[in-house]
C-alpha atoms as a PDB file:
ATOM      1  CA  MET A   1       0.007   0.006  -0.002  1.00  0.00           C
ATOM      2  CA  LEU A   2       1.103   3.532  -0.674  1.00  0.00           C
ATOM      3  CA  ASN A   3       1.667   5.931   2.203  1.00  0.00           C
ATOM      4  CA  ILE A   4       0.297   9.263   0.917  1.00  0.00           C
ATOM      5  CA  ASP A   5       0.563  12.471   2.958  1.00  0.00           C
ATOM      6  CA  LEU A   6      -1.022  15.464   1.224  1.00  0.00           C
ATOM      7  CA  HIS A   7      -0.592  18.197   3.855  1.00  0.00           C
ATOM      8  CA  CYS A   8       2.791  19.226   5.233  1.00  0.00           C
ATOM      9  CA  HIS A   9       4.633  22.503   5.938  1.00  0.00           C
ATOM     10  CA  SER A  10       8.244  23.621   5.666  1.00  0.00           C
ATOM     11  CA  ASP A  11      10.061  26.689   6.945  1.00  0.00           C
ATOM     12  CA  ALA A  12       8.992  28.472   3.761  1.00  0.00           C
ATOM     13  CA  SER A  13       5.853  29.165   5.842  1.00  0.00           C
ATOM     14  CA  ASP A  14       5.465  28.182   9.501  1.00  0.00           C
ATOM     15  CA  GLY A  15       7.133  24.788   9.582  1.00  0.00           C
ATOM     16  CA  MET A  16      10.447  24.225  11.340  1.00  0.00           C
ATOM     17  CA  LEU A  17      12.202  22.068   8.713  1.00  0.00           C
ATOM     18  CA  SER A  18      13.618  23.160   5.401  1.00  0.00           C
ATOM     19  CA  PRO A  19      11.839  21.696   2.348  1.00  0.00           C
ATOM     20  CA  ALA A  20      14.680  19.226   1.840  1.00  0.00           C
ATOM     21  CA  ALA A  21      14.728  18.202   5.495  1.00  0.00           C
ATOM     22  CA  LEU A  22      10.962  17.729   5.458  1.00  0.00           C
ATOM     23  CA  VAL A  23      11.193  15.460   2.454  1.00  0.00           C
ATOM     24  CA  ALA A  24      13.954  13.433   4.103  1.00  0.00           C
ATOM     25  CA  ARG A  25      11.918  13.029   7.254  1.00  0.00           C
ATOM     26  CA  ALA A  26       8.865  11.921   5.281  1.00  0.00           C
ATOM     27  CA  ALA A  27      10.945   9.408   3.334  1.00  0.00           C
ATOM     28  CA  ALA A  28      12.404   8.022   6.566  1.00  0.00           C
ATOM     29  CA  ASN A  29       8.875   7.559   7.852  1.00  0.00           C
ATOM     30  CA  GLY A  30       7.946   5.509   4.790  1.00  0.00           C
ATOM     31  CA  VAL A  31       5.986   8.169   2.919  1.00  0.00           C
ATOM     32  CA  ASP A  32       5.707   7.359  -0.809  1.00  0.00           C
ATOM     33  CA  VAL A  33       3.835  10.476  -1.941  1.00  0.00           C
ATOM     34  CA  LEU A  34       4.215  13.837  -0.199  1.00  0.00           C
ATOM     35  CA  ALA A  35       2.538  17.190  -0.856  1.00  0.00           C
ATOM     36  CA  LEU A  36       4.283  20.358   0.306  1.00  0.00           C
ATOM     37  CA  THR A  37       1.421  22.721   1.168  1.00  0.00           C
ATOM     38  CA  ASP A  38       2.931  25.794   2.762  1.00  0.00           C
ATOM     39  CA  HIS A  39       0.633  28.594   3.880  1.00  0.00           C
ATOM     40  CA  ASP A  40       0.139  31.090   1.029  1.00  0.00           C
ATOM     41  CA  GLU A  41       3.640  30.304  -0.279  1.00  0.00           C
ATOM     42  CA  ILE A  42       5.141  28.183  -3.055  1.00  0.00           C
ATOM     43  CA  ALA A  43       8.834  29.103  -2.649  1.00  0.00           C
ATOM     44  CA  GLY A  44       9.827  25.721  -1.248  1.00  0.00           C
ATOM     45  CA  ILE A  45       8.423  23.532  -4.025  1.00  0.00           C
ATOM     46  CA  ALA A  46      11.457  23.490  -6.319  1.00  0.00           C
ATOM     47  CA  THR A  47      13.818  22.471  -3.498  1.00  0.00           C
ATOM     48  CA  ALA A  48      11.360  19.878  -2.253  1.00  0.00           C
ATOM     49  CA  ARG A  49      10.954  18.397  -5.735  1.00  0.00           C
ATOM     50  CA  ALA A  50      14.706  17.973  -6.128  1.00  0.00           C
ATOM     51  CA  ALA A  51      14.969  16.372  -2.685  1.00  0.00           C
ATOM     52  CA  ALA A  52      12.065  14.030  -3.472  1.00  0.00           C
ATOM     53  CA  GLU A  53      13.776  12.859  -6.637  1.00  0.00           C
ATOM     54  CA  ALA A  54      16.927  12.100  -4.644  1.00  0.00           C
ATOM     55  CA  GLU A  55      14.931  10.247  -1.974  1.00  0.00           C
ATOM     56  CA  GLY A  56      12.891   8.270  -4.506  1.00  0.00           C
ATOM     57  CA  ILE A  57       9.485   9.565  -3.454  1.00  0.00           C
ATOM     58  CA  THR A  58       6.810  11.464  -5.394  1.00  0.00           C
ATOM     59  CA  LEU A  59       6.405  15.178  -4.634  1.00  0.00           C
ATOM     60  CA  ILE A  60       3.003  16.785  -5.200  1.00  0.00           C
ATOM     61  CA  PRO A  61       3.293  20.584  -5.556  1.00  0.00           C
ATOM     62  CA  GLY A  62       0.759  22.263  -3.273  1.00  0.00           C
ATOM     63  CA  VAL A  63      -0.235  25.287  -1.251  1.00  0.00           C
ATOM     64  CA  GLU A  64      -2.617  26.051   1.617  1.00  0.00           C
ATOM     65  CA  ILE A  65      -4.553  29.269   0.949  1.00  0.00           C
ATOM     66  CA  SER A  66      -6.015  31.425   3.720  1.00  0.00           C
ATOM     67  CA  VAL A  67      -9.669  32.303   3.078  1.00  0.00           C
ATOM     68  CA  THR A  68     -12.341  34.327   4.854  1.00  0.00           C
ATOM     69  CA  TRP A  69     -15.783  32.787   4.515  1.00  0.00           C
ATOM     70  CA  GLU A  70     -18.642  34.548   6.265  1.00  0.00           C
ATOM     71  CA  GLY A  71     -16.251  36.162   8.748  1.00  0.00           C
ATOM     72  CA  VAL A  72     -14.390  32.940   9.630  1.00  0.00           C
ATOM     73  CA  THR A  73     -10.898  31.937   8.510  1.00  0.00           C
ATOM     74  CA  VAL A  74     -10.870  28.659   6.620  1.00  0.00           C
ATOM     75  CA  HIS A  75      -8.102  27.037   4.627  1.00  0.00           C
ATOM     76  CA  VAL A  76      -8.116  25.511   1.165  1.00  0.00           C
ATOM     77  CA  VAL A  77      -5.335  23.186   0.079  1.00  0.00           C
ATOM     78  CA  GLY A  78      -4.360  23.212  -3.587  1.00  0.00           C
ATOM     79  CA  LEU A  79      -2.808  19.960  -4.887  1.00  0.00           C
ATOM     80  CA  ARG A  80      -0.985  19.406  -8.178  1.00  0.00           C
ATOM     81  CA  ILE A  81      -0.820  23.143  -8.757  1.00  0.00           C
ATOM     82  CA  ASP A  82       1.473  24.875 -11.259  1.00  0.00           C
ATOM     83  CA  PRO A  83       3.676  27.101  -9.096  1.00  0.00           C
ATOM     84  CA  ALA A  84       4.507  29.248 -12.119  1.00  0.00           C
ATOM     85  CA  HIS A  85       0.849  30.094 -12.869  1.00  0.00           C
ATOM     86  CA  PRO A  86       0.765  33.939 -12.856  1.00  0.00           C
ATOM     87  CA  GLU A  87      -2.710  34.390 -11.365  1.00  0.00           C
ATOM     88  CA  LEU A  88      -2.011  32.026  -8.484  1.00  0.00           C
ATOM     89  CA  ALA A  89       1.404  33.570  -7.838  1.00  0.00           C
ATOM     90  CA  ALA A  90       0.021  37.114  -7.829  1.00  0.00           C
ATOM     91  CA  GLY A  91      -2.850  36.164  -5.528  1.00  0.00           C
ATOM     92  CA  LEU A  92      -0.432  34.618  -3.016  1.00  0.00           C
ATOM     93  CA  VAL A  93       1.740  37.718  -3.046  1.00  0.00           C
ATOM     94  CA  GLY A  94      -1.286  39.790  -2.028  1.00  0.00           C
ATOM     95  CA  ILE A  95      -2.158  37.374   0.816  1.00  0.00           C
ATOM     96  CA  ARG A  96       1.428  37.442   2.141  1.00  0.00           C
ATOM     97  CA  GLN A  97       1.394  41.234   2.251  1.00  0.00           C
ATOM     98  CA  GLY A  98      -1.811  41.094   4.302  1.00  0.00           C
ATOM     99  CA  ARG A  99      -0.271  38.424   6.556  1.00  0.00           C
ATOM    100  CA  MET A 100       2.638  40.731   7.453  1.00  0.00           C
ATOM    101  CA  GLU A 101       0.274  43.607   8.209  1.00  0.00           C
ATOM    102  CA  ARG A 102      -1.685  41.258  10.471  1.00  0.00           C
ATOM    103  CA  ALA A 103       1.506  40.164  12.251  1.00  0.00           C
ATOM    104  CA  ARG A 104       2.375  43.760  13.155  1.00  0.00           C
ATOM    105  CA  ARG A 105      -1.123  44.310  14.554  1.00  0.00           C
ATOM    106  CA  MET A 106      -0.845  41.087  16.567  1.00  0.00           C
ATOM    107  CA  GLY A 107       2.398  42.296  18.093  1.00  0.00           C
ATOM    108  CA  ALA A 108       0.845  45.641  18.950  1.00  0.00           C
ATOM    109  CA  ASP A 109      -2.154  43.953  20.579  1.00  0.00           C
ATOM    110  CA  LEU A 110       0.080  41.754  22.727  1.00  0.00           C
ATOM    111  CA  ALA A 111       2.095  44.832  23.718  1.00  0.00           C
ATOM    112  CA  ARG A 112      -1.093  46.528  24.885  1.00  0.00           C
ATOM    113  CA  ALA A 113      -1.704  43.459  27.076  1.00  0.00           C
ATOM    114  CA  GLY A 114       1.741  43.906  28.653  1.00  0.00           C
ATOM    115  CA  ILE A 115       3.675  41.446  26.488  1.00  0.00           C
ATOM    116  CA  ALA A 116       6.318  43.472  24.662  1.00  0.00           C
ATOM    117  CA  GLY A 117       8.583  42.270  21.871  1.00  0.00           C
ATOM    118  CA  ALA A 118       6.252  39.635  20.429  1.00  0.00           C
ATOM    119  CA  TYR A 119       6.419  40.817  16.786  1.00  0.00           C
ATOM    120  CA  GLU A 120      10.212  40.987  16.881  1.00  0.00           C
ATOM    121  CA  GLY A 121      10.392  37.566  18.528  1.00  0.00           C
ATOM    122  CA  ALA A 122       8.029  36.007  16.013  1.00  0.00           C
ATOM    123  CA  HIS A 123       9.854  37.655  13.137  1.00  0.00           C
ATOM    124  CA  ALA A 124      13.178  36.232  14.346  1.00  0.00           C
ATOM    125  CA  ARG A 125      11.675  32.709  14.355  1.00  0.00           C
ATOM    126  CA  ALA A 126      10.422  32.920  10.739  1.00  0.00           C
ATOM    127  CA  ALA A 127      12.884  31.598   8.148  1.00  0.00           C
ATOM    128  CA  ASN A 128      10.773  33.302   5.484  1.00  0.00           C
ATOM    129  CA  LYS A 129      10.463  36.921   6.620  1.00  0.00           C
ATOM    130  CA  GLU A 130       7.352  37.379   4.443  1.00  0.00           C
ATOM    131  CA  MET A 131       5.539  34.664   6.358  1.00  0.00           C
ATOM    132  CA  VAL A 132       5.301  35.647  10.037  1.00  0.00           C
ATOM    133  CA  GLY A 133       2.248  33.825  11.362  1.00  0.00           C
ATOM    134  CA  ARG A 134       0.481  32.766  14.538  1.00  0.00           C
ATOM    135  CA  THR A 135       2.661  29.680  14.973  1.00  0.00           C
ATOM    136  CA  HIS A 136       5.784  31.893  15.121  1.00  0.00           C
ATOM    137  CA  PHE A 137       4.113  33.994  17.812  1.00  0.00           C
ATOM    138  CA  ALA A 138       3.072  30.855  19.677  1.00  0.00           C
ATOM    139  CA  ARG A 139       6.644  29.493  19.677  1.00  0.00           C
ATOM    140  CA  TRP A 140       7.932  32.834  20.975  1.00  0.00           C
ATOM    141  CA  LEU A 141       5.296  32.860  23.734  1.00  0.00           C
ATOM    142  CA  VAL A 142       6.395  29.361  24.814  1.00  0.00           C
ATOM    143  CA  ASP A 143      10.102  30.239  24.669  1.00  0.00           C
ATOM    144  CA  GLU A 144       9.522  33.372  26.765  1.00  0.00           C
ATOM    145  CA  GLY A 145       7.557  31.506  29.421  1.00  0.00           C
ATOM    146  CA  HIS A 146       4.158  33.052  28.683  1.00  0.00           C
ATOM    147  CA  ALA A 147       2.692  29.647  27.811  1.00  0.00           C
ATOM    148  CA  GLY A 148       3.606  26.087  28.674  1.00  0.00           C
ATOM    149  CA  ASP A 149       3.264  24.683  25.188  1.00  0.00           C
ATOM    150  CA  LEU A 150       1.851  25.554  21.783  1.00  0.00           C
ATOM    151  CA  ARG A 151      -1.684  24.484  22.667  1.00  0.00           C
ATOM    152  CA  ALA A 152      -1.641  26.750  25.704  1.00  0.00           C
ATOM    153  CA  ALA A 153      -0.229  29.606  23.651  1.00  0.00           C
ATOM    154  CA  PHE A 154      -3.165  29.366  21.229  1.00  0.00           C
ATOM    155  CA  ARG A 155      -5.685  28.769  24.024  1.00  0.00           C
ATOM    156  CA  HIS A 156      -4.674  31.869  26.040  1.00  0.00           C
ATOM    157  CA  PHE A 157      -3.437  34.098  23.235  1.00  0.00           C
ATOM    158  CA  LEU A 158      -3.844  34.542  19.462  1.00  0.00           C
ATOM    159  CA  THR A 159      -7.415  33.255  19.287  1.00  0.00           C
ATOM    160  CA  ARG A 160     -10.692  35.192  19.296  1.00  0.00           C
ATOM    161  CA  GLY A 161     -11.265  37.022  22.564  1.00  0.00           C
ATOM    162  CA  ASN A 162      -7.662  36.750  23.707  1.00  0.00           C
ATOM    163  CA  PRO A 163      -4.565  39.021  23.501  1.00  0.00           C
ATOM    164  CA  GLY A 164      -2.860  38.804  20.132  1.00  0.00           C
ATOM    165  CA  TYR A 165      -6.002  38.049  18.153  1.00  0.00           C
ATOM    166  CA  VAL A 166      -6.846  40.611  15.461  1.00  0.00           C
ATOM    167  CA  GLU A 167      -9.526  40.465  12.828  1.00  0.00           C
ATOM    168  CA  HIS A 168      -8.214  40.017   9.312  1.00  0.00           C
ATOM    169  CA  GLU A 169      -9.853  39.638   5.927  1.00  0.00           C
ATOM    170  CA  TRP A 170      -8.153  36.994   3.766  1.00  0.00           C
ATOM    171  CA  THR A 171      -9.041  36.216   0.183  1.00  0.00           C
ATOM    172  CA  SER A 172     -12.429  34.839  -0.842  1.00  0.00           C
ATOM    173  CA  LEU A 173     -13.336  31.184  -1.239  1.00  0.00           C
ATOM    174  CA  GLU A 174     -14.113  31.919  -4.886  1.00  0.00           C
ATOM    175  CA  ASN A 175     -10.613  33.377  -5.470  1.00  0.00           C
ATOM    176  CA  ALA A 176      -8.806  30.536  -3.746  1.00  0.00           C
ATOM    177  CA  VAL A 177     -10.637  27.752  -5.602  1.00  0.00           C
ATOM    178  CA  GLY A 178     -10.357  29.713  -8.874  1.00  0.00           C
ATOM    179  CA  TRP A 179      -6.592  30.212  -8.526  1.00  0.00           C
ATOM    180  CA  ILE A 180      -6.066  26.528  -7.755  1.00  0.00           C
ATOM    181  CA  ARG A 181      -8.209  25.274 -10.591  1.00  0.00           C
ATOM    182  CA  GLY A 182      -6.790  27.855 -12.980  1.00  0.00           C
ATOM    183  CA  SER A 183      -3.306  26.532 -12.288  1.00  0.00           C
ATOM    184  CA  GLY A 184      -4.424  22.988 -13.101  1.00  0.00           C
ATOM    185  CA  GLY A 185      -4.734  21.911  -9.486  1.00  0.00           C
ATOM    186  CA  THR A 186      -7.306  20.264  -7.238  1.00  0.00           C
ATOM    187  CA  ALA A 187      -8.948  22.194  -4.392  1.00  0.00           C
ATOM    188  CA  VAL A 188      -9.416  20.440  -1.047  1.00  0.00           C
ATOM    189  CA  LEU A 189     -11.080  21.875   2.052  1.00  0.00           C
ATOM    190  CA  ALA A 190      -8.494  21.607   4.836  1.00  0.00           C
ATOM    191  CA  HIS A 191      -9.204  20.187   8.330  1.00  0.00           C
ATOM    192  CA  PRO A 192     -12.934  21.062   8.331  1.00  0.00           C
ATOM    193  CA  GLY A 193     -13.348  19.914  11.904  1.00  0.00           C
ATOM    194  CA  ARG A 194     -11.349  22.897  13.150  1.00  0.00           C
ATOM    195  CA  TYR A 195     -13.864  25.524  12.131  1.00  0.00           C
ATOM    196  CA  PRO A 196     -16.461  26.850  14.635  1.00  0.00           C
ATOM    197  CA  PHE A 197     -19.470  26.122  12.438  1.00  0.00           C
ATOM    198  CA  THR A 198     -22.828  24.629  13.224  1.00  0.00           C
ATOM    199  CA  ALA A 199     -23.899  21.591  11.227  1.00  0.00           C
ATOM    200  CA  ARG A 200     -26.056  23.839   9.059  1.00  0.00           C
ATOM    201  CA  ASP A 201     -23.187  26.213   8.313  1.00  0.00           C
ATOM    202  CA  THR A 202     -20.854  23.321   7.598  1.00  0.00           C
ATOM    203  CA  HIS A 203     -23.302  22.021   5.017  1.00  0.00           C
ATOM    204  CA  ARG A 204     -23.547  25.510   3.481  1.00  0.00           C
ATOM    205  CA  LEU A 205     -19.756  25.748   3.288  1.00  0.00           C
ATOM    206  CA  LEU A 206     -19.506  22.326   1.612  1.00  0.00           C
ATOM    207  CA  ASP A 207     -22.249  23.309  -0.832  1.00  0.00           C
ATOM    208  CA  ALA A 208     -20.498  26.582  -1.706  1.00  0.00           C
ATOM    209  CA  PHE A 209     -17.101  24.885  -2.015  1.00  0.00           C
ATOM    210  CA  ARG A 210     -18.480  22.195  -4.342  1.00  0.00           C
ATOM    211  CA  ALA A 211     -20.369  24.762  -6.449  1.00  0.00           C
ATOM    212  CA  LEU A 212     -17.144  26.690  -7.021  1.00  0.00           C
ATOM    213  CA  GLY A 213     -15.368  23.564  -8.230  1.00  0.00           C
ATOM    214  CA  GLY A 214     -13.896  22.270  -4.982  1.00  0.00           C
ATOM    215  CA  ALA A 215     -13.097  18.575  -5.334  1.00  0.00           C
ATOM    216  CA  GLY A 216     -12.218  17.160  -1.945  1.00  0.00           C
ATOM    217  CA  VAL A 217     -12.218  17.425   1.833  1.00  0.00           C
ATOM    218  CA  GLU A 218      -9.619  16.354   4.351  1.00  0.00           C
ATOM    219  CA  VAL A 219     -11.055  13.361   6.204  1.00  0.00           C
ATOM    220  CA  ILE A 220      -7.929  12.022   7.877  1.00  0.00           C
ATOM    221  CA  THR A 221      -5.792  14.852   9.284  1.00  0.00           C
ATOM    222  CA  GLY A 222      -3.734  15.548  12.362  1.00  0.00           C
ATOM    223  CA  SER A 223      -6.261  18.256  13.247  1.00  0.00           C
ATOM    224  CA  HIS A 224      -9.126  15.756  13.571  1.00  0.00           C
ATOM    225  CA  HIS A 225      -9.744  13.461  16.523  1.00  0.00           C
ATOM    226  CA  PRO A 226     -10.062   9.810  15.453  1.00  0.00           C
ATOM    227  CA  SER A 227     -13.726   9.947  16.531  1.00  0.00           C
ATOM    228  CA  GLU A 228     -14.315  12.512  13.771  1.00  0.00           C
ATOM    229  CA  TYR A 229     -12.920  10.502  10.868  1.00  0.00           C
ATOM    230  CA  GLY A 230     -16.206   8.717  10.126  1.00  0.00           C
ATOM    231  CA  LYS A 231     -18.197  11.943  10.286  1.00  0.00           C
ATOM    232  CA  TRP A 232     -16.080  13.669   7.666  1.00  0.00           C
ATOM    233  CA  ALA A 233     -15.897  10.542   5.498  1.00  0.00           C
ATOM    234  CA  ASP A 234     -19.697  10.431   5.518  1.00  0.00           C
ATOM    235  CA  LEU A 235     -20.002  14.142   4.735  1.00  0.00           C
ATOM    236  CA  ALA A 236     -17.526  13.854   1.874  1.00  0.00           C
ATOM    237  CA  ARG A 237     -19.559  11.073   0.373  1.00  0.00           C
ATOM    238  CA  ALA A 238     -22.869  12.885   0.948  1.00  0.00           C
ATOM    239  CA  PHE A 239     -21.650  16.015  -0.811  1.00  0.00           C
ATOM    240  CA  GLY A 240     -19.978  14.188  -3.686  1.00  0.00           C
ATOM    241  CA  LEU A 241     -16.464  15.185  -2.580  1.00  0.00           C
ATOM    242  CA  LYS A 242     -13.364  13.054  -2.654  1.00  0.00           C
ATOM    243  CA  ALA A 243     -11.410  12.363   0.526  1.00  0.00           C
ATOM    244  CA  SER A 244      -7.880  13.465   1.365  1.00  0.00           C
ATOM    245  CA  ARG A 245      -5.307  12.348   3.939  1.00  0.00           C
ATOM    246  CA  GLY A 246      -2.600  14.527   5.464  1.00  0.00           C
ATOM    247  CA  THR A 247      -0.878  15.058   8.772  1.00  0.00           C
ATOM    248  CA  ASP A 248      -0.644  18.872   8.665  1.00  0.00           C
ATOM    249  CA  PHE A 249       2.903  18.370   9.947  1.00  0.00           C
ATOM    250  CA  HIS A 250       4.764  21.507  11.033  1.00  0.00           C
ATOM    251  CA  ALA A 251       7.667  20.488  13.248  1.00  0.00           C
ATOM    252  CA  PRO A 252       9.148  17.586  15.177  1.00  0.00           C
ATOM    253  CA  GLY A 253       7.450  17.302  18.533  1.00  0.00           C
ATOM    254  CA  GLU A 254       4.539  19.556  17.593  1.00  0.00           C
ATOM    255  CA  GLY A 255       2.135  16.978  16.290  1.00  0.00           C
ATOM    256  CA  ILE A 256       1.829  13.841  14.189  1.00  0.00           C
ATOM    257  CA  GLU A 257       4.858  12.835  12.140  1.00  0.00           C
ATOM    258  CA  PRO A 258       4.617  12.826   8.308  1.00  0.00           C
ATOM    259  CA  GLY A 259       2.742   9.817   7.042  1.00  0.00           C
ATOM    260  CA  ARG A 260       1.619   8.575  10.452  1.00  0.00           C
ATOM    261  CA  VAL A 261      -2.133   8.896  10.326  1.00  0.00           C
ATOM    262  CA  PRO A 262      -4.583   6.084   9.537  1.00  0.00           C
ATOM    263  CA  ALA A 263      -5.748   5.026   6.122  1.00  0.00           C
ATOM    264  CA  LEU A 264      -8.884   6.542   4.601  1.00  0.00           C
ATOM    265  CA  PRO A 265     -12.098   4.600   5.296  1.00  0.00           C
ATOM    266  CA  HIS A 266     -12.563   1.978   2.602  1.00  0.00           C
ATOM    267  CA  TYR A 267     -15.693   3.580   1.153  1.00  0.00           C
ATOM    268  CA  CYS A 268     -14.064   6.931   0.433  1.00  0.00           C
ATOM    269  CA  ARG A 269     -13.057   8.021  -3.041  1.00  0.00           C
ATOM    270  CA  PRO A 270      -9.452   9.247  -2.585  1.00  0.00           C
ATOM    271  CA  VAL A 271      -8.613  12.619  -4.017  1.00  0.00           C
ATOM    272  CA  TRP A 272      -5.601  11.073  -5.736  1.00  0.00           C
ATOM    273  CA  GLU A 273      -7.818   8.704  -7.757  1.00  0.00           C
ATOM    274  CA  GLY A 274      -6.590   8.731 -11.355  1.00  0.00           C
ATOM    275  CA  TRP A 275      -3.514  10.901 -10.842  1.00  0.00           C
ATOM    276  CA  PRO A 276      -1.160   9.790 -13.609  1.00  0.00           C
ATOM    277  CA  GLU A 277       2.015  10.329 -11.579  1.00  0.00           C
ATOM    278  CA  LEU A 278       0.808   7.707  -9.091  1.00  0.00           C
ATOM    279  CA  GLN A 279      -0.081   4.989 -11.585  1.00  0.00           C
ATOM    280  CA  PRO A 280       3.441   3.493 -11.803  1.00  0.00           C
ATOM    281  CA  LEU A 281       3.424   3.164  -8.000  1.00  0.00           C
ATOM    282  CA  LEU A 282       0.139   1.286  -7.737  1.00  0.00           C
ATOM    283  CA  ALA A 283       0.039  -2.498  -7.865  1.00  0.00           C
ATOM    284  CA  PRO A 284      -2.333  -3.506 -10.656  1.00  0.00           C
ATOM    285  CA  ALA A 285      -4.325  -5.736  -8.384  1.00  0.00           C
ATOM    286  CA  SER A 286      -4.739  -3.241  -5.577  1.00  0.00           C
ATOM    287  CA  ALA A 287      -6.290   0.220  -5.223  1.00  0.00           C
ATOM    288  CA  ALA A 288      -5.585   0.302  -1.521  1.00  0.00           C
ATOM    289  CA  CYS A 289      -3.626   3.306  -0.263  1.00  0.00           C
ATOM    290  CA  PHE A 290      -3.106   5.067   2.975  1.00  0.00           C
END
């Protein structure tokens, strides 16, 4: 069976490992097919592709786009994108500019709460200085003793109603799906269980996503509790969406290792179904994949 991980981050966004080191770690964990899906950034793809060729694994070029849908931040993963597509590249530049403006406002909000130096500390922890995000702030808060771990940093800071949280308008769902599809890619709704939606609003989001050309939803992800896997598998099937699998790996010790989540439920249609680059890897008698 193939071990397929379609959601991982490098230090081109808010991961801790370089693209090459991420690929090496995934290969050591037995990953056969890896997608690099950095937040709003595609700068690491070329290096990751070269590393994947050296490691003998298949690299899927990807991105995770920040979206505002009805006032809530959601994420859309683009798989098999063309990193050179001009509309996608230009759209991501605009999002990154907004991300940096948000980071400065987060630092100012934490300073007003008596926590000085947060922006500078987060900035120092970002390998890509255009990509200062909440995870960099969280790591700084932990290092400075303001929080015991990353979960506590997000629980007490950086989230709605807490110091460090600022409202921000990302791009639209229509733009994100359009850029991905325009570049030849496949749009997947990332970790849907993380969003604070009612069942009704979740159904509305899935309807809107599908109507725009969205193709899949993450069913197995490090952001979902195992008790949720069946729920999202059922919703994917009910809404005619394919299922994806990815760890959402960011750093050693911060979550599930690349490739180490369960297989998709047997009744799911995998998002990688029919991808030509995977056909040489599949045994003719078996369609089973992680």
